[in-house]
Amino acid sequence: MQTIPSWLFCWQWIAAVLTLGASAASAMPVIIALTLATGRRGNARLSAIGAHTLARYAAGLAFLGPLLAVGGVLALLAGVRGSQHMLDGISPWMPAMLPYSTSVIAWLAGITCLLGYLVADKTTTSQPRAEKDYWQPGQIGVRVGLALLAALCFFMAQVLPNWPFSGLPQGLTMADVALTVLSSTLHEYFTALAPAGSVALLVLSLKTASGSASLAPDDEQRAARWCALWAMVGFIPRCIDRWGLVIGISLRSGPLPQGVAEQALGLVPTTLAIACWVALFALRAPRKLYWLNTLGLSLLVLGASYPFIVMLGR
């Protein structure tokens, strides 16, 4: 039975789905930096075009991060204090509010880095030569640096909400807290590569369908497989870990603990999404199979919605 207000339930559901977009934006600077770094002879112009396109979409999607952070804390305050008094005596610099306010600042800093990347990308001296299509020494250093700085800011935006600004938990040192928070956030950040690669592939398919991306078939195939690679690898460690836990529990003697079957069902959409991206990466007709990426994204939305669907059924 539902024990939370309907508006809060709806907000949490919407936020869970929108978090996929924020996660995609947070990991996309890593793909941008690696895309530039792999722009060897013959691929420099392709990597420059792809990285620039990803930077534009990442900057737009990244605004979901601060919006979700602000919306989350307002929903929390409204649920605890009521809508009329939720901001009474509240300051963004209070220790209890610092996880949210610093996270918003980190998101905005990352967006600024991406906007700086786009400004730097407009300079003609930073473009590869059309007749030779390779990077000159020093051409991509600033852009790679800005992309990595944006990735660091977005990573910190996910670390800060879990940081104990109000004081260390009893019995733990700062080193213990830092190790726990950073390791868990790093694991979550790696999984963000999956929606990032999938969104990148969606952008490629839309631009190809509209004719705005005039890529040669080989270049399109190379770009599609590159995006599918990151979409594929992002969720593999998490799926292996969680499926191993579910299977291990299922093999024990005695009755299954409550919730194991629901946890297994919740893993199915993510596992099927990985299968879609594996097929896109392995097969050599990406334009005919772009629908698999749309299916994979839909399965991610279903996976994010699954806990709320279960709650509705109770």
Protein backbone atom coordinates (compact mmCIF):
# COMPACT_ATOMS: atom_id res chain seq x y z
CA MET A 1 0.00 0.00 0.00
CA GLN A 2 1.25 3.47 -0.81
CA THR A 3 2.37 5.36 2.31
CA ILE A 4 3.62 8.58 0.69
CA PRO A 5 1.59 11.43 -0.86
CA SER A 6 0.59 10.96 -4.46
CA TRP A 7 2.43 14.10 -5.60
CA LEU A 8 5.66 12.91 -3.97
CA PHE A 9 5.26 9.46 -5.53
CA CYS A 10 4.80 11.03 -8.98
CA TRP A 11 7.77 13.34 -8.48
CA GLN A 12 10.04 10.48 -7.45
CA TRP A 13 8.96 8.50 -10.51
CA ILE A 14 9.56 11.43 -12.87
CA ALA A 15 12.91 12.18 -11.19
CA ALA A 16 14.02 8.54 -11.57
CA VAL A 17 13.41 8.73 -15.33
CA LEU A 18 14.96 12.18 -15.75
CA THR A 19 18.02 11.01 -13.82
CA LEU A 20 18.87 8.88 -16.86
CA GLY A 21 19.31 12.09 -18.85
CA ALA A 22 21.40 13.72 -16.12
CA SER A 23 23.53 10.58 -15.87
CA ALA A 24 24.06 10.59 -19.63
CA ALA A 25 25.23 14.20 -19.48
CA SER A 26 27.59 13.49 -16.57
CA ALA A 27 29.46 10.71 -18.39
CA MET A 28 29.40 12.22 -21.88
CA PRO A 29 32.50 14.41 -21.29
CA VAL A 30 34.50 11.20 -20.77
CA ILE A 31 33.31 9.92 -24.16
CA ILE A 32 34.12 13.33 -25.68
CA ALA A 33 37.70 13.23 -24.37
CA LEU A 34 38.21 9.66 -25.56
CA THR A 35 36.65 10.49 -28.93
CA LEU A 36 39.17 13.29 -29.44
CA ALA A 37 42.03 11.11 -28.24
CA THR A 38 41.19 8.37 -30.75
CA GLY A 39 41.11 10.83 -33.67
CA ARG A 40 44.17 9.38 -35.32
CA ARG A 41 45.13 10.02 -38.95
CA GLY A 42 42.06 9.64 -41.14
CA ASN A 43 39.62 10.05 -38.23
CA ALA A 44 40.42 13.50 -36.85
CA ARG A 45 37.58 15.34 -38.60
CA LEU A 46 35.11 12.61 -37.68
CA SER A 47 36.17 12.77 -34.03
CA ALA A 48 36.02 16.59 -34.04
CA ILE A 49 32.48 16.63 -35.46
CA GLY A 50 31.30 13.89 -33.12
CA ALA A 51 32.85 15.46 -30.01
CA HIS A 52 31.39 18.88 -30.83
CA THR A 53 27.90 17.41 -31.28
CA LEU A 54 28.14 15.46 -28.03
CA ALA A 55 29.33 18.56 -26.16
CA ARG A 56 26.28 20.54 -27.31
CA TYR A 57 23.83 17.85 -26.24
CA ALA A 58 25.69 17.17 -22.98
CA ALA A 59 25.55 20.86 -22.05
CA GLY A 60 21.79 20.86 -22.62
CA LEU A 61 21.09 17.62 -20.76
CA ALA A 62 23.33 18.64 -17.86
CA PHE A 63 20.80 21.27 -16.79
CA LEU A 64 18.70 18.34 -15.57
CA GLY A 65 21.28 17.84 -12.81
CA PRO A 66 20.74 21.09 -10.88
CA LEU A 67 16.99 20.99 -11.61
CA LEU A 68 16.73 17.50 -10.09
CA ALA A 69 18.89 18.51 -7.12
CA VAL A 70 16.75 21.56 -6.36
CA GLY A 71 13.53 19.66 -7.02
CA GLY A 72 14.65 16.82 -4.76
CA VAL A 73 15.41 19.02 -1.78
CA LEU A 74 12.18 21.03 -2.23
CA ALA A 75 10.18 17.80 -2.36
CA LEU A 76 11.94 16.59 0.79
CA LEU A 77 11.26 19.83 2.67
CA ALA A 78 7.64 19.92 1.51
CA GLY A 79 7.12 16.34 2.66
CA VAL A 80 8.65 17.00 6.09
CA ARG A 81 7.52 20.57 6.82
CA GLY A 82 4.60 21.11 4.49
CA SER A 83 4.51 23.38 1.48
CA GLN A 84 3.75 26.56 3.45
CA HIS A 85 6.70 26.39 5.86
CA MET A 86 9.23 24.36 3.91
CA LEU A 87 11.67 27.28 3.44
CA ASP A 88 11.35 28.80 6.94
CA GLY A 89 14.82 29.21 8.44
CA ILE A 90 16.49 27.42 5.53
CA SER A 91 19.78 28.63 4.10
CA PRO A 92 21.68 26.93 1.26
CA TRP A 93 24.86 27.23 3.37
CA MET A 94 23.52 25.32 6.38
CA PRO A 95 25.45 22.07 6.96
CA ALA A 96 22.30 20.06 6.25
CA MET A 97 21.79 21.89 2.95
CA LEU A 98 25.40 21.87 1.73
CA PRO A 99 25.09 18.45 0.02
CA TYR A 100 22.46 19.93 -2.28
CA SER A 101 23.83 23.46 -2.80
CA THR A 102 27.39 22.30 -3.49
CA SER A 103 26.06 19.68 -5.88
CA VAL A 104 24.22 22.38 -7.83
CA ILE A 105 27.41 24.46 -7.96
CA ALA A 106 29.36 21.46 -9.27
CA TRP A 107 26.76 20.84 -11.97
CA LEU A 108 26.89 24.48 -13.06
CA ALA A 109 30.71 24.40 -13.10
CA GLY A 110 30.62 21.35 -15.38
CA ILE A 111 28.15 23.05 -17.72
CA THR A 112 30.45 26.07 -17.84
CA CYS A 113 33.34 23.82 -18.86
CA LEU A 114 31.27 22.34 -21.70
CA LEU A 115 30.25 25.80 -22.88
CA GLY A 116 33.93 26.77 -22.78
CA TYR A 117 34.66 23.68 -24.87
CA LEU A 118 32.16 24.81 -27.50
CA VAL A 119 33.72 28.28 -27.58
CA ALA A 120 37.21 26.82 -27.97
CA ASP A 121 35.92 24.48 -30.65
CA LYS A 122 34.88 27.39 -32.88
CA THR A 123 38.43 28.60 -33.41
CA THR A 124 39.64 27.74 -36.88
CA THR A 125 43.15 26.92 -35.67
CA SER A 126 41.87 24.02 -33.61
CA GLN A 127 40.32 22.15 -36.54
CA PRO A 128 42.15 19.34 -38.36
CA ARG A 129 43.27 20.04 -41.88
CA ALA A 130 40.65 18.98 -44.39
CA GLU A 131 43.20 17.73 -46.91
CA LYS A 132 45.14 15.63 -44.41
CA ASP A 133 42.58 14.94 -41.67
CA TYR A 134 44.89 14.58 -38.72
CA TRP A 135 45.54 16.46 -35.51
CA GLN A 136 48.43 18.88 -35.36
CA PRO A 137 50.46 18.92 -32.09
CA GLY A 138 48.65 20.97 -29.46
CA GLN A 139 45.33 21.16 -31.32
CA ILE A 140 43.20 19.16 -28.91
CA GLY A 141 44.92 19.77 -25.57
CA VAL A 142 42.55 22.54 -24.45
CA ARG A 143 39.45 20.68 -25.56
CA VAL A 144 40.45 17.42 -23.89
CA GLY A 145 41.30 19.35 -20.74
CA LEU A 146 37.93 21.10 -20.67
CA ALA A 147 36.09 17.82 -21.28
CA LEU A 148 37.96 16.09 -18.45
CA LEU A 149 37.37 19.06 -16.15
CA ALA A 150 33.65 18.89 -16.94
CA ALA A 151 33.70 15.15 -16.16
CA LEU A 152 35.41 15.87 -12.82
CA CYS A 153 32.80 18.51 -11.95
CA PHE A 154 29.94 16.15 -12.79
CA PHE A 155 31.59 13.38 -10.79
CA MET A 156 31.87 15.70 -7.78
CA ALA A 157 28.21 16.65 -8.27
CA GLN A 158 27.41 13.02 -7.50
CA VAL A 159 29.90 12.75 -4.63
CA LEU A 160 28.73 15.84 -2.73
CA PRO A 161 25.11 14.75 -2.00
CA ASN A 162 26.55 11.80 -0.03
CA TRP A 163 29.21 13.79 1.81
CA PRO A 164 28.62 14.17 5.61
CA PHE A 165 28.85 17.96 5.91
CA SER A 166 26.99 17.83 9.22
CA GLY A 167 29.66 15.63 10.81
CA LEU A 168 31.28 12.24 10.46
CA PRO A 169 29.26 9.13 11.37
CA GLN A 170 30.22 7.71 14.74
CA GLY A 171 33.27 5.46 14.63
CA LEU A 172 34.36 6.50 11.12
CA THR A 173 37.33 8.62 10.12
CA MET A 174 37.51 11.03 7.20
CA ALA A 175 39.57 8.48 5.26
CA ASP A 176 36.88 5.81 5.79
CA VAL A 177 34.12 8.14 4.62
CA ALA A 178 36.11 9.33 1.60
CA LEU A 179 36.92 5.77 0.54
CA THR A 180 33.31 4.63 0.89
CA VAL A 181 31.73 7.61 -0.84
CA LEU A 182 34.26 7.86 -3.67
CA SER A 183 34.25 4.13 -4.45
CA SER A 184 30.45 3.86 -4.54
CA THR A 185 30.15 7.05 -6.62
CA LEU A 186 32.82 5.85 -9.04
CA HIS A 187 30.84 2.65 -9.57
CA GLU A 188 27.66 4.64 -10.24
CA TYR A 189 29.53 7.04 -12.51
CA PHE A 190 30.79 4.16 -14.63
CA THR A 191 27.23 2.92 -15.15
CA ALA A 192 26.35 6.41 -16.47
CA LEU A 193 28.37 5.52 -19.59
CA ALA A 194 25.43 3.34 -20.69
CA PRO A 195 22.81 6.11 -21.03
CA ALA A 196 25.54 8.44 -22.33
CA GLY A 197 26.47 6.07 -25.16
CA SER A 198 22.83 5.35 -25.89
CA VAL A 199 21.93 9.06 -26.08
CA ALA A 200 24.95 9.65 -28.32
CA LEU A 201 23.76 6.88 -30.62
CA LEU A 202 20.25 8.33 -30.62
CA VAL A 203 21.65 11.72 -31.67
CA LEU A 204 23.60 10.06 -34.48
CA SER A 205 20.52 8.22 -35.74
CA LEU A 206 18.35 11.36 -35.66
CA LYS A 207 20.95 13.43 -37.50
CA THR A 208 21.38 10.69 -40.08
CA ALA A 209 17.62 10.41 -40.60
CA SER A 210 17.28 14.18 -41.02
CA GLY A 211 20.22 14.37 -43.41
CA SER A 212 22.12 16.90 -41.27
CA ALA A 213 24.96 14.41 -40.70
CA SER A 214 26.51 13.77 -44.11
CA LEU A 215 28.74 10.88 -43.11
CA ALA A 216 30.21 8.25 -45.36
CA PRO A 217 28.84 4.75 -44.66
CA ASP A 218 32.13 3.62 -43.12
CA ASP A 219 32.29 6.70 -40.90
CA GLU A 220 28.68 6.24 -39.80
CA GLN A 221 29.32 2.61 -38.96
CA ARG A 222 32.45 3.54 -37.01
CA ALA A 223 30.61 6.25 -35.07
CA ALA A 224 27.64 3.96 -34.34
CA ARG A 225 29.85 1.16 -33.03
CA TRP A 226 31.81 3.62 -30.89
CA CYS A 227 28.60 4.87 -29.23
CA ALA A 228 27.22 1.35 -28.86
CA LEU A 229 30.47 0.26 -27.18
CA TRP A 230 30.01 2.71 -24.30
CA ALA A 231 26.30 1.96 -24.01
CA MET A 232 27.16 -1.73 -23.81
CA VAL A 233 29.98 -1.66 -21.26
CA GLY A 234 28.38 0.79 -18.82
CA PHE A 235 25.91 -1.63 -17.23
CA ILE A 236 27.80 -4.91 -17.67
CA PRO A 237 29.65 -4.82 -14.28
CA ARG A 238 26.47 -3.91 -12.39
CA CYS A 239 24.44 -6.64 -14.10
CA ILE A 240 27.08 -9.29 -13.46
CA ASP A 241 27.32 -8.26 -9.81
CA ARG A 242 23.57 -8.20 -9.19
CA TRP A 243 22.75 -11.30 -11.19
CA GLY A 244 25.51 -13.12 -9.28
CA LEU A 245 23.95 -12.03 -6.00
CA VAL A 246 20.45 -13.09 -7.07
CA ILE A 247 21.63 -16.46 -8.38
CA GLY A 248 23.74 -17.06 -5.28
CA ILE A 249 20.78 -16.39 -2.99
CA SER A 250 18.51 -18.57 -5.14
CA LEU A 251 20.88 -21.54 -4.88
CA ARG A 252 20.81 -21.53 -1.10
CA SER A 253 18.69 -24.06 0.70
CA GLY A 254 15.48 -22.91 2.30
CA PRO A 255 12.85 -20.40 1.22
CA LEU A 256 13.87 -17.42 -0.84
CA PRO A 257 14.07 -14.11 1.02
CA GLN A 258 11.28 -11.69 0.25
CA GLY A 259 12.00 -9.43 -2.70
CA VAL A 260 14.52 -11.66 -4.52
CA ALA A 261 12.08 -12.41 -7.34
CA GLU A 262 11.27 -8.69 -7.69
CA GLN A 263 14.98 -7.86 -7.78
CA ALA A 264 15.53 -10.43 -10.53
CA LEU A 265 12.65 -9.05 -12.58
CA GLY A 266 14.06 -5.55 -12.13
CA LEU A 267 17.33 -6.69 -13.73
CA VAL A 268 15.64 -8.04 -16.86
CA PRO A 269 15.11 -4.67 -18.65
CA THR A 270 18.74 -3.64 -18.12
CA THR A 271 20.01 -7.02 -19.30
CA LEU A 272 17.88 -6.86 -22.45
CA ALA A 273 19.11 -3.30 -23.09
CA ILE A 274 22.71 -4.53 -22.96
CA ALA A 275 21.79 -7.23 -25.49
CA CYS A 276 20.45 -4.54 -27.86
CA TRP A 277 23.72 -2.59 -27.72
CA VAL A 278 25.80 -5.73 -28.10
CA ALA A 279 23.91 -6.47 -31.31
CA LEU A 280 24.46 -2.90 -32.55
CA PHE A 281 28.17 -3.17 -31.81
CA ALA A 282 28.64 -6.61 -33.33
CA LEU A 283 26.49 -6.35 -36.47
CA ARG A 284 27.52 -4.27 -39.47
CA ALA A 285 24.32 -2.60 -40.59
CA PRO A 286 23.83 0.15 -37.98
CA ARG A 287 21.33 2.26 -39.91
CA LYS A 288 18.93 -0.68 -40.20
CA LEU A 289 19.34 -1.50 -36.51
CA TYR A 290 19.03 1.93 -34.88
CA TRP A 291 15.63 0.82 -33.59
CA LEU A 292 17.54 -1.47 -31.20
CA ASN A 293 18.99 1.59 -29.49
CA THR A 294 15.51 3.10 -29.13
CA LEU A 295 14.42 -0.20 -27.62
CA GLY A 296 17.41 -0.16 -25.29
CA LEU A 297 16.59 3.36 -24.08
CA SER A 298 12.97 2.36 -23.56
CA LEU A 299 14.12 -0.60 -21.48
CA LEU A 300 16.24 1.72 -19.33
CA VAL A 301 13.16 3.87 -18.72
CA LEU A 302 11.22 0.71 -17.84
CA GLY A 303 14.00 -0.35 -15.45
CA ALA A 304 13.94 3.04 -13.74
CA SER A 305 10.15 2.87 -13.51
CA TYR A 306 9.99 -0.74 -12.28
CA PRO A 307 10.13 0.00 -8.50
CA PHE A 308 7.26 2.46 -8.85
CA ILE A 309 5.23 0.03 -10.96
CA VAL A 310 5.71 -2.59 -8.22
CA MET A 311 4.53 -0.09 -5.61
CA LEU A 312 1.42 0.64 -7.65
CA GLY A 313 0.61 -3.06 -7.75
CA ARG A 314 0.78 -3.49 -4.00
